[in-house]
Amino acid sequence: MSVVNVASLNVARWGALLFGGVYGYTRQKSLSLYVREQNEESEFRAYADLVEEAKVAFEGAYNREQAAKAAVLNS
């Protein structure tokens, strides 16, 4: 092998290594962002469900209270 071929081969190897490192870094960042967004969305849905349950419970309690007041006034 000549010196030119060895140098070209080394440049290709280092280039491939650099490309792999950059690709791996960007892929990891992309996947981490996706997982973070999914977790935030899941937490938001869980919080929204809790708020909805609280609204239903409050409305039920409020309606019972109003019905009791109306029964007292009507009797």
PDB file of N, CA and C in Angstrom:
ATOM      1  N   MET A   1       0.842  -1.182   0.000  1.00  0.00           N
ATOM      2  CA  MET A   1       0.000   0.000   0.000  1.00  0.00           C
ATOM      3  C   MET A   1       0.879   1.233   0.000  1.00  0.00           C
ATOM      4  N   SER A   2       0.414   2.205  -0.697  1.00  0.00           N
ATOM      5  CA  SER A   2       1.188   3.446  -0.732  1.00  0.00           C
ATOM      6  C   SER A   2       0.738   4.360   0.409  1.00  0.00           C
ATOM      7  N   VAL A   3       1.516   5.374   0.619  1.00  0.00           N
ATOM      8  CA  VAL A   3       1.236   6.324   1.698  1.00  0.00           C
ATOM      9  C   VAL A   3      -0.076   7.055   1.436  1.00  0.00           C
ATOM     10  N   VAL A   4      -0.385   7.329   0.179  1.00  0.00           N
ATOM     11  CA  VAL A   4      -1.615   8.036  -0.175  1.00  0.00           C
ATOM     12  C   VAL A   4      -2.821   7.177   0.172  1.00  0.00           C
ATOM     13  N   ASN A   5      -2.774   5.893  -0.143  1.00  0.00           N
ATOM     14  CA  ASN A   5      -3.896   5.007   0.160  1.00  0.00           C
ATOM     15  C   ASN A   5      -4.114   4.879   1.667  1.00  0.00           C
ATOM     16  N   VAL A   6      -3.020   4.784   2.427  1.00  0.00           N
ATOM     17  CA  VAL A   6      -3.139   4.669   3.877  1.00  0.00           C
ATOM     18  C   VAL A   6      -3.725   5.952   4.452  1.00  0.00           C
ATOM     19  N   ALA A   7      -3.275   7.087   3.956  1.00  0.00           N
ATOM     20  CA  ALA A   7      -3.792   8.364   4.441  1.00  0.00           C
ATOM     21  C   ALA A   7      -5.268   8.498   4.089  1.00  0.00           C
ATOM     22  N   SER A   8      -5.637   8.107   2.877  1.00  0.00           N
ATOM     23  CA  SER A   8      -7.044   8.175   2.473  1.00  0.00           C
ATOM     24  C   SER A   8      -7.897   7.250   3.337  1.00  0.00           C
ATOM     25  N   LEU A   9      -7.368   6.078   3.617  1.00  0.00           N
ATOM     26  CA  LEU A   9      -8.094   5.131   4.452  1.00  0.00           C
ATOM     27  C   LEU A   9      -8.278   5.682   5.869  1.00  0.00           C
ATOM     28  N   ASN A  10      -7.248   6.298   6.410  1.00  0.00           N
ATOM     29  CA  ASN A  10      -7.359   6.892   7.746  1.00  0.00           C
ATOM     30  C   ASN A  10      -8.355   8.047   7.760  1.00  0.00           C
ATOM     31  N   VAL A  11      -8.350   8.855   6.727  1.00  0.00           N
ATOM     32  CA  VAL A  11      -9.313   9.959   6.635  1.00  0.00           C
ATOM     33  C   VAL A  11     -10.727   9.398   6.570  1.00  0.00           C
ATOM     34  N   ALA A  12     -10.923   8.348   5.800  1.00  0.00           N
ATOM     35  CA  ALA A  12     -12.250   7.736   5.700  1.00  0.00           C
ATOM     36  C   ALA A  12     -12.676   7.150   7.043  1.00  0.00           C
ATOM     37  N   ARG A  13     -11.767   6.507   7.739  1.00  0.00           N
ATOM     38  CA  ARG A  13     -12.095   5.932   9.052  1.00  0.00           C
ATOM     39  C   ARG A  13     -12.477   7.017  10.056  1.00  0.00           C
ATOM     40  N   TRP A  14     -11.660   8.060  10.129  1.00  0.00           N
ATOM     41  CA  TRP A  14     -11.951   9.142  11.069  1.00  0.00           C
ATOM     42  C   TRP A  14     -13.236   9.871  10.684  1.00  0.00           C
ATOM     43  N   GLY A  15     -13.450  10.007   9.396  1.00  0.00           N
ATOM     44  CA  GLY A  15     -14.694  10.645   8.939  1.00  0.00           C
ATOM     45  C   GLY A  15     -15.910   9.825   9.325  1.00  0.00           C
ATOM     46  N   ALA A  16     -15.811   8.510   9.153  1.00  0.00           N
ATOM     47  CA  ALA A  16     -16.922   7.634   9.535  1.00  0.00           C
ATOM     48  C   ALA A  16     -17.143   7.675  11.044  1.00  0.00           C
ATOM     49  N   LEU A  17     -16.069   7.697  11.806  1.00  0.00           N
ATOM     50  CA  LEU A  17     -16.187   7.778  13.258  1.00  0.00           C
ATOM     51  C   LEU A  17     -16.844   9.093  13.677  1.00  0.00           C
ATOM     52  N   LEU A  18     -16.424  10.180  13.071  1.00  0.00           N
ATOM     53  CA  LEU A  18     -17.007  11.483  13.378  1.00  0.00           C
ATOM     54  C   LEU A  18     -18.484  11.518  12.997  1.00  0.00           C
ATOM     55  N   PHE A  19     -18.795  11.004  11.822  1.00  0.00           N
ATOM     56  CA  PHE A  19     -20.194  10.964  11.379  1.00  0.00           C
ATOM     57  C   PHE A  19     -21.046  10.144  12.345  1.00  0.00           C
ATOM     58  N   GLY A  20     -20.535   8.999  12.759  1.00  0.00           N
ATOM     59  CA  GLY A  20     -21.267   8.153  13.702  1.00  0.00           C
ATOM     60  C   GLY A  20     -21.489   8.845  15.040  1.00  0.00           C
ATOM     61  N   GLY A  21     -20.491   9.556  15.498  1.00  0.00           N
ATOM     62  CA  GLY A  21     -20.634  10.291  16.757  1.00  0.00           C
ATOM     63  C   GLY A  21     -21.680  11.386  16.667  1.00  0.00           C
ATOM     64  N   VAL A  22     -21.645  12.149  15.579  1.00  0.00           N
ATOM     65  CA  VAL A  22     -22.626  13.222  15.387  1.00  0.00           C
ATOM     66  C   VAL A  22     -24.017  12.636  15.223  1.00  0.00           C
ATOM     67  N   TYR A  23     -24.139  11.579  14.435  1.00  0.00           N
ATOM     68  CA  TYR A  23     -25.441  10.948  14.237  1.00  0.00           C
ATOM     69  C   TYR A  23     -25.986  10.407  15.560  1.00  0.00           C
ATOM     70  N   GLY A  24     -25.152   9.731  16.327  1.00  0.00           N
ATOM     71  CA  GLY A  24     -25.586   9.183  17.610  1.00  0.00           C
ATOM     72  C   GLY A  24     -26.024  10.270  18.578  1.00  0.00           C
ATOM     73  N   TYR A  25     -25.288  11.366  18.608  1.00  0.00           N
ATOM     74  CA  TYR A  25     -25.633  12.479  19.492  1.00  0.00           C
ATOM     75  C   TYR A  25     -26.979  13.080  19.106  1.00  0.00           C
ATOM     76  N   THR A  26     -27.180  13.351  17.812  1.00  0.00           N
ATOM     77  CA  THR A  26     -28.444  13.954  17.382  1.00  0.00           C
ATOM     78  C   THR A  26     -29.605  12.981  17.564  1.00  0.00           C
ATOM     79  N   ARG A  27     -29.372  11.713  17.333  1.00  0.00           N
ATOM     80  CA  ARG A  27     -30.431  10.715  17.519  1.00  0.00           C
ATOM     81  C   ARG A  27     -30.824  10.627  18.997  1.00  0.00           C
ATOM     82  N   GLN A  28     -29.839  10.622  19.883  1.00  0.00           N
ATOM     83  CA  GLN A  28     -30.110  10.572  21.320  1.00  0.00           C
ATOM     84  C   GLN A  28     -30.897  11.795  21.765  1.00  0.00           C
ATOM     85  N   LYS A  29     -30.517  12.983  21.290  1.00  0.00           N
ATOM     86  CA  LYS A  29     -31.243  14.201  21.648  1.00  0.00           C
ATOM     87  C   LYS A  29     -32.676  14.134  21.151  1.00  0.00           C
ATOM     88  N   SER A  30     -32.863  13.638  19.934  1.00  0.00           N
ATOM     89  CA  SER A  30     -34.200  13.534  19.360  1.00  0.00           C
ATOM     90  C   SER A  30     -35.067  12.577  20.163  1.00  0.00           C
ATOM     91  N   LEU A  31     -34.537  11.422  20.497  1.00  0.00           N
ATOM     92  CA  LEU A  31     -35.296  10.441  21.273  1.00  0.00           C
ATOM     93  C   LEU A  31     -35.587  10.947  22.686  1.00  0.00           C
ATOM     94  N   SER A  32     -34.633  11.621  23.294  1.00  0.00           N
ATOM     95  CA  SER A  32     -34.849  12.168  24.631  1.00  0.00           C
ATOM     96  C   SER A  32     -35.955  13.213  24.617  1.00  0.00           C
ATOM     97  N   LEU A  33     -35.964  14.056  23.598  1.00  0.00           N
ATOM     98  CA  LEU A  33     -37.003  15.069  23.469  1.00  0.00           C
ATOM     99  C   LEU A  33     -38.363  14.422  23.279  1.00  0.00           C
ATOM    100  N   TYR A  34     -38.430  13.377  22.461  1.00  0.00           N
ATOM    101  CA  TYR A  34     -39.689  12.670  22.223  1.00  0.00           C
ATOM    102  C   TYR A  34     -40.222  12.059  23.517  1.00  0.00           C
ATOM    103  N   VAL A  35     -39.355  11.414  24.272  1.00  0.00           N
ATOM    104  CA  VAL A  35     -39.774  10.787  25.528  1.00  0.00           C
ATOM    105  C   VAL A  35     -40.227  11.855  26.519  1.00  0.00           C
ATOM    106  N   ARG A  36     -39.506  12.968  26.588  1.00  0.00           N
ATOM    107  CA  ARG A  36     -39.884  14.046  27.499  1.00  0.00           C
ATOM    108  C   ARG A  36     -41.256  14.602  27.134  1.00  0.00           C
ATOM    109  N   GLU A  37     -41.511  14.806  25.836  1.00  0.00           N
ATOM    110  CA  GLU A  37     -42.811  15.313  25.397  1.00  0.00           C
ATOM    111  C   GLU A  37     -43.924  14.326  25.722  1.00  0.00           C
ATOM    112  N   GLN A  38     -43.663  13.037  25.535  1.00  0.00           N
ATOM    113  CA  GLN A  38     -44.670  12.029  25.857  1.00  0.00           C
ATOM    114  C   GLN A  38     -44.975  12.018  27.354  1.00  0.00           C
ATOM    115  N   ASN A  39     -43.950  12.147  28.183  1.00  0.00           N
ATOM    116  CA  ASN A  39     -44.153  12.175  29.632  1.00  0.00           C
ATOM    117  C   ASN A  39     -44.943  13.410  30.055  1.00  0.00           C
ATOM    118  N   GLU A  40     -44.612  14.567  29.465  1.00  0.00           N
ATOM    119  CA  GLU A  40     -45.338  15.787  29.797  1.00  0.00           C
ATOM    120  C   GLU A  40     -46.797  15.674  29.382  1.00  0.00           C
ATOM    121  N   GLU A  41     -47.040  15.101  28.205  1.00  0.00           N
ATOM    122  CA  GLU A  41     -48.413  14.931  27.738  1.00  0.00           C
ATOM    123  C   GLU A  41     -49.179  13.979  28.651  1.00  0.00           C
ATOM    124  N   SER A  42     -48.536  12.914  29.074  1.00  0.00           N
ATOM    125  CA  SER A  42     -49.168  11.953  29.971  1.00  0.00           C
ATOM    126  C   SER A  42     -49.492  12.604  31.318  1.00  0.00           C
ATOM    127  N   GLU A  43     -48.562  13.377  31.852  1.00  0.00           N
ATOM    128  CA  GLU A  43     -48.802  14.073  33.112  1.00  0.00           C
ATOM    129  C   GLU A  43     -49.944  15.076  32.969  1.00  0.00           C
ATOM    130  N   PHE A  44     -49.989  15.782  31.850  1.00  0.00           N
ATOM    131  CA  PHE A  44     -51.053  16.756  31.625  1.00  0.00           C
ATOM    132  C   PHE A  44     -52.408  16.063  31.551  1.00  0.00           C
ATOM    133  N   ARG A  45     -52.470  14.924  30.834  1.00  0.00           N
ATOM    134  CA  ARG A  45     -53.735  14.190  30.745  1.00  0.00           C
ATOM    135  C   ARG A  45     -54.181  13.704  32.118  1.00  0.00           C
ATOM    136  N   ALA A  46     -53.246  13.219  32.921  1.00  0.00           N
ATOM    137  CA  ALA A  46     -53.586  12.753  34.270  1.00  0.00           C
ATOM    138  C   ALA A  46     -54.105  13.915  35.114  1.00  0.00           C
ATOM    139  N   TYR A  47     -53.463  15.074  35.014  1.00  0.00           N
ATOM    140  CA  TYR A  47     -53.902  16.255  35.753  1.00  0.00           C
ATOM    141  C   TYR A  47     -55.279  16.702  35.274  1.00  0.00           C
ATOM    142  N   ALA A  48     -55.503  16.706  33.968  1.00  0.00           N
ATOM    143  CA  ALA A  48     -56.804  17.104  33.422  1.00  0.00           C
ATOM    144  C   ALA A  48     -57.898  16.143  33.878  1.00  0.00           C
ATOM    145  N   ASP A  49     -57.599  14.866  33.946  1.00  0.00           N
ATOM    146  CA  ASP A  49     -58.576  13.892  34.440  1.00  0.00           C
ATOM    147  C   ASP A  49     -58.917  14.152  35.906  1.00  0.00           C
ATOM    148  N   LEU A  50     -57.907  14.482  36.709  1.00  0.00           N
ATOM    149  CA  LEU A  50     -58.163  14.791  38.117  1.00  0.00           C
ATOM    150  C   LEU A  50     -59.023  16.045  38.260  1.00  0.00           C
ATOM    151  N   VAL A  51     -58.757  17.043  37.445  1.00  0.00           N
ATOM    152  CA  VAL A  51     -59.552  18.268  37.486  1.00  0.00           C
ATOM    153  C   VAL A  51     -60.991  17.965  37.099  1.00  0.00           C
ATOM    154  N   GLU A  52     -61.173  17.158  36.079  1.00  0.00           N
ATOM    155  CA  GLU A  52     -62.527  16.801  35.647  1.00  0.00           C
ATOM    156  C   GLU A  52     -63.260  16.024  36.742  1.00  0.00           C
ATOM    157  N   GLU A  53     -62.578  15.102  37.398  1.00  0.00           N
ATOM    158  CA  GLU A  53     -63.195  14.368  38.504  1.00  0.00           C
ATOM    159  C   GLU A  53     -63.583  15.311  39.635  1.00  0.00           C
ATOM    160  N   ALA A  54     -62.741  16.283  39.926  1.00  0.00           N
ATOM    161  CA  ALA A  54     -63.044  17.246  40.983  1.00  0.00           C
ATOM    162  C   ALA A  54     -64.256  18.095  40.608  1.00  0.00           C
ATOM    163  N   LYS A  55     -64.354  18.491  39.345  1.00  0.00           N
ATOM    164  CA  LYS A  55     -65.511  19.268  38.895  1.00  0.00           C
ATOM    165  C   LYS A  55     -66.793  18.468  39.070  1.00  0.00           C
ATOM    166  N   VAL A  56     -66.766  17.206  38.683  1.00  0.00           N
ATOM    167  CA  VAL A  56     -67.949  16.353  38.802  1.00  0.00           C
ATOM    168  C   VAL A  56     -68.324  16.181  40.272  1.00  0.00           C
ATOM    169  N   ALA A  57     -67.337  15.959  41.121  1.00  0.00           N
ATOM    170  CA  ALA A  57     -67.609  15.789  42.552  1.00  0.00           C
ATOM    171  C   ALA A  57     -68.179  17.069  43.147  1.00  0.00           C
ATOM    172  N   PHE A  58     -67.631  18.213  42.761  1.00  0.00           N
ATOM    173  CA  PHE A  58     -68.131  19.484  43.278  1.00  0.00           C
ATOM    174  C   PHE A  58     -69.559  19.728  42.818  1.00  0.00           C
ATOM    175  N   GLU A  59     -69.837  19.477  41.547  1.00  0.00           N
ATOM    176  CA  GLU A  59     -71.191  19.672  41.039  1.00  0.00           C
ATOM    177  C   GLU A  59     -72.180  18.760  41.753  1.00  0.00           C
ATOM    178  N   GLY A  60     -71.784  17.528  42.005  1.00  0.00           N
ATOM    179  CA  GLY A  60     -72.657  16.601  42.723  1.00  0.00           C
ATOM    180  C   GLY A  60     -72.942  17.085  44.132  1.00  0.00           C
ATOM    181  N   ALA A  61     -71.912  17.538  44.828  1.00  0.00           N
ATOM    182  CA  ALA A  61     -72.089  18.032  46.194  1.00  0.00           C
ATOM    183  C   ALA A  61     -72.912  19.313  46.190  1.00  0.00           C
ATOM    184  N   TYR A  62     -72.653  20.194  45.241  1.00  0.00           N
ATOM    185  CA  TYR A  62     -73.388  21.458  45.151  1.00  0.00           C
ATOM    186  C   TYR A  62     -74.855  21.198  44.847  1.00  0.00           C
ATOM    187  N   ASN A  63     -75.137  20.279  43.940  1.00  0.00           N
ATOM    188  CA  ASN A  63     -76.527  19.973  43.596  1.00  0.00           C
ATOM    189  C   ASN A  63     -77.265  19.347  44.778  1.00  0.00           C
ATOM    190  N   ARG A  64     -76.604  18.490  45.552  1.00  0.00           N
ATOM    191  CA  ARG A  64     -77.236  17.913  46.743  1.00  0.00           C
ATOM    192  C   ARG A  64     -77.536  19.001  47.767  1.00  0.00           C
ATOM    193  N   GLU A  65     -76.613  19.931  47.915  1.00  0.00           N
ATOM    194  CA  GLU A  65     -76.805  21.030  48.862  1.00  0.00           C
ATOM    195  C   GLU A  65     -77.980  21.906  48.439  1.00  0.00           C
ATOM    196  N   GLN A  66     -78.054  22.204  47.149  1.00  0.00           N
ATOM    197  CA  GLN A  66     -79.161  23.025  46.647  1.00  0.00           C
ATOM    198  C   GLN A  66     -80.491  22.292  46.794  1.00  0.00           C
ATOM    199  N   ALA A  67     -80.496  20.988  46.559  1.00  0.00           N
ATOM    200  CA  ALA A  67     -81.726  20.204  46.710  1.00  0.00           C
ATOM    201  C   ALA A  67     -82.171  20.189  48.170  1.00  0.00           C
ATOM    202  N   ALA A  68     -81.224  20.096  49.087  1.00  0.00           N
ATOM    203  CA  ALA A  68     -81.567  20.108  50.515  1.00  0.00           C
ATOM    204  C   ALA A  68     -82.135  21.459  50.920  1.00  0.00           C
ATOM    205  N   LYS A  69     -81.560  22.546  50.420  1.00  0.00           N
ATOM    206  CA  LYS A  69     -82.068  23.882  50.730  1.00  0.00           C
ATOM    207  C   LYS A  69     -83.466  24.066  50.159  1.00  0.00           C
ATOM    208  N   ALA A  70     -83.686  23.583  48.945  1.00  0.00           N
ATOM    209  CA  ALA A  70     -85.003  23.706  48.315  1.00  0.00           C
ATOM    210  C   ALA A  70     -86.039  22.896  49.080  1.00  0.00           C
ATOM    211  N   ALA A  71     -85.662  21.736  49.579  1.00  0.00           N
ATOM    212  CA  ALA A  71     -86.595  20.902  50.338  1.00  0.00           C
ATOM    213  C   ALA A  71     -86.989  21.590  51.637  1.00  0.00           C
ATOM    214  N   VAL A  72     -86.042  22.259  52.276  1.00  0.00           N
ATOM    215  CA  VAL A  72     -86.331  22.975  53.519  1.00  0.00           C
ATOM    216  C   VAL A  72     -87.261  24.150  53.239  1.00  0.00           C
ATOM    217  N   LEU A  73     -87.012  24.867  52.146  1.00  0.00           N
ATOM    218  CA  LEU A  73     -87.842  26.026  51.809  1.00  0.00           C
ATOM    219  C   LEU A  73     -89.240  25.613  51.367  1.00  0.00           C
ATOM    220  N   ASN A  74     -89.374  24.490  50.717  1.00  0.00           N
ATOM    221  CA  ASN A  74     -90.671  24.036  50.212  1.00  0.00           C
ATOM    222  C   ASN A  74     -91.526  23.396  51.293  1.00  0.00           C
ATOM    223  N   SER A  75     -90.953  22.993  52.388  1.00  0.00           N
ATOM    224  CA  SER A  75     -91.749  22.310  53.410  1.00  0.00           C
ATOM    225  C   SER A  75     -92.382  23.256  54.389  1.00  0.00           C
TER     226      SER A  75
END
